[in-house]
Amino acid sequence: MSYTRHMRHGEYKMPGGKLVVADLDVRDDLIASVQISGDFFLEPDSALADIDRALLDAPCTASTEDLAARISAALDPRVQMFGISAQAVAVAVRRAIDGEGTP
């Protein structure tokens, strides 16, 4: 079995907020692995793993809005995001997929 694999990196600094970094692996036009990081805070910390899981298997054709919706749906309503939003994470992921890296 053969597949196409591409490691990607994207960053986004949310206006008035913090830096979000997306490092991901694309296989056959799907997000096969992803790690979100940056200088933001989440409460509880375990919400970061929920964000990463929400993005797995997302198609590379997904819009920023679709990616943000996946993230929002995966997070417990009690999660607090300091300096970022689901939309900001989605922008960093989209930049990684599109090969834009950093602005």
Protein backbone atom coordinates (compact mmCIF):
# COMPACT_ATOMS: atom_id res chain seq x y z
CA MET A 1 0.00 0.00 0.00
CA SER A 2 1.41 3.38 -0.95
CA TYR A 3 0.39 6.78 0.27
CA THR A 4 1.51 10.35 -0.05
CA ARG A 5 2.86 11.91 3.13
CA HIS A 6 3.63 15.58 3.72
CA MET A 7 4.77 17.22 6.96
CA ARG A 8 3.48 20.77 7.28
CA HIS A 9 3.96 23.75 9.62
CA GLY A 10 1.75 26.81 10.07
CA GLU A 11 1.57 29.70 12.50
CA TYR A 12 -0.95 32.37 13.35
CA LYS A 13 -0.82 35.18 15.89
CA MET A 14 -4.35 36.02 16.89
CA PRO A 15 -4.90 39.82 16.89
CA GLY A 16 -4.66 40.91 20.50
CA GLY A 17 -3.92 37.31 21.44
CA LYS A 18 -1.25 34.68 21.35
CA LEU A 19 0.71 32.63 18.83
CA VAL A 20 -0.76 29.32 17.64
CA VAL A 21 1.48 26.78 15.91
CA ALA A 22 0.21 23.80 13.91
CA ASP A 23 2.53 20.96 12.95
CA LEU A 24 0.79 18.25 11.02
CA ASP A 25 1.26 15.27 8.78
CA VAL A 26 -0.96 14.95 5.72
CA ARG A 27 -1.55 11.53 4.19
CA ASP A 28 -3.80 11.01 1.20
CA ASP A 29 -5.35 14.47 1.64
CA LEU A 30 -6.33 13.87 5.29
CA ILE A 31 -4.74 15.18 8.48
CA ALA A 32 -3.01 12.04 9.78
CA SER A 33 -1.33 13.56 12.83
CA VAL A 34 -1.37 17.01 14.36
CA GLN A 35 0.23 18.87 17.23
CA ILE A 36 -1.02 22.28 18.25
CA SER A 37 1.25 24.41 20.41
CA GLY A 38 2.03 28.05 21.12
CA ASP A 39 2.16 30.62 23.88
CA PHE A 40 -1.52 30.34 24.84
CA PHE A 41 -3.21 28.72 27.83
CA LEU A 42 -6.10 26.28 28.13
CA GLU A 43 -7.98 25.24 31.22
CA PRO A 44 -7.88 22.32 31.69
CA ASP A 45 -4.58 21.49 29.97
CA SER A 46 -6.11 18.24 28.70
CA ALA A 47 -8.23 20.27 26.25
CA LEU A 48 -5.18 20.47 23.97
CA ALA A 49 -5.39 16.72 23.33
CA ASP A 50 -9.10 17.16 22.51
CA ILE A 51 -8.22 19.82 19.92
CA ASP A 52 -5.59 17.56 18.34
CA ARG A 53 -8.05 14.64 18.19
CA ALA A 54 -10.75 16.82 16.66
CA LEU A 55 -8.48 17.62 13.73
CA LEU A 56 -7.43 14.04 12.97
CA ASP A 57 -8.80 12.72 9.68
CA ALA A 58 -10.07 16.16 8.67
CA PRO A 59 -9.90 16.53 4.89
CA CYS A 60 -7.33 18.98 3.55
CA THR A 61 -10.18 20.63 1.64
CA ALA A 62 -11.90 21.64 4.92
CA SER A 63 -12.39 25.38 5.23
CA THR A 64 -11.21 27.40 8.20
CA GLU A 65 -14.83 27.53 9.37
CA ASP A 66 -15.19 23.74 9.09
CA LEU A 67 -11.99 23.16 11.08
CA ALA A 68 -13.07 25.66 13.76
CA ALA A 69 -16.45 23.90 14.02
CA ARG A 70 -14.71 20.53 14.52
CA ILE A 71 -12.61 22.02 17.31
CA SER A 72 -15.55 23.74 19.01
CA ALA A 73 -17.67 20.59 18.88
CA ALA A 74 -14.90 18.55 20.52
CA LEU A 75 -14.38 20.88 23.47
CA ASP A 76 -16.32 20.66 26.70
CA PRO A 77 -18.24 23.92 27.17
CA ARG A 78 -16.35 24.48 30.43
CA VAL A 79 -12.98 24.69 28.63
CA GLN A 80 -11.44 28.13 28.89
CA MET A 81 -9.16 29.37 26.13
CA PHE A 82 -6.82 32.25 27.02
CA GLY A 83 -5.31 34.13 24.09
CA ILE A 84 -6.70 31.88 21.33
CA SER A 85 -9.93 30.67 19.83
CA ALA A 86 -11.06 27.69 17.77
CA GLN A 87 -10.93 30.02 14.75
CA ALA A 88 -7.29 30.96 15.48
CA VAL A 89 -6.29 27.30 15.68
CA ALA A 90 -8.12 26.64 12.42
CA VAL A 91 -6.24 29.47 10.69
CA ALA A 92 -2.88 28.00 11.79
CA VAL A 93 -3.97 24.56 10.55
CA ARG A 94 -5.16 25.98 7.22
CA ARG A 95 -1.82 27.78 6.79
CA ALA A 96 0.00 24.52 7.45
CA ILE A 97 -2.14 22.64 4.94
CA ASP A 98 -1.73 25.39 2.33
CA GLY A 99 2.03 25.46 2.85
CA GLU A 100 1.98 29.08 3.98
CA GLY A 101 3.97 28.44 7.17
CA THR A 102 4.32 31.86 8.70
CA PRO A 103 3.12 35.18 7.29
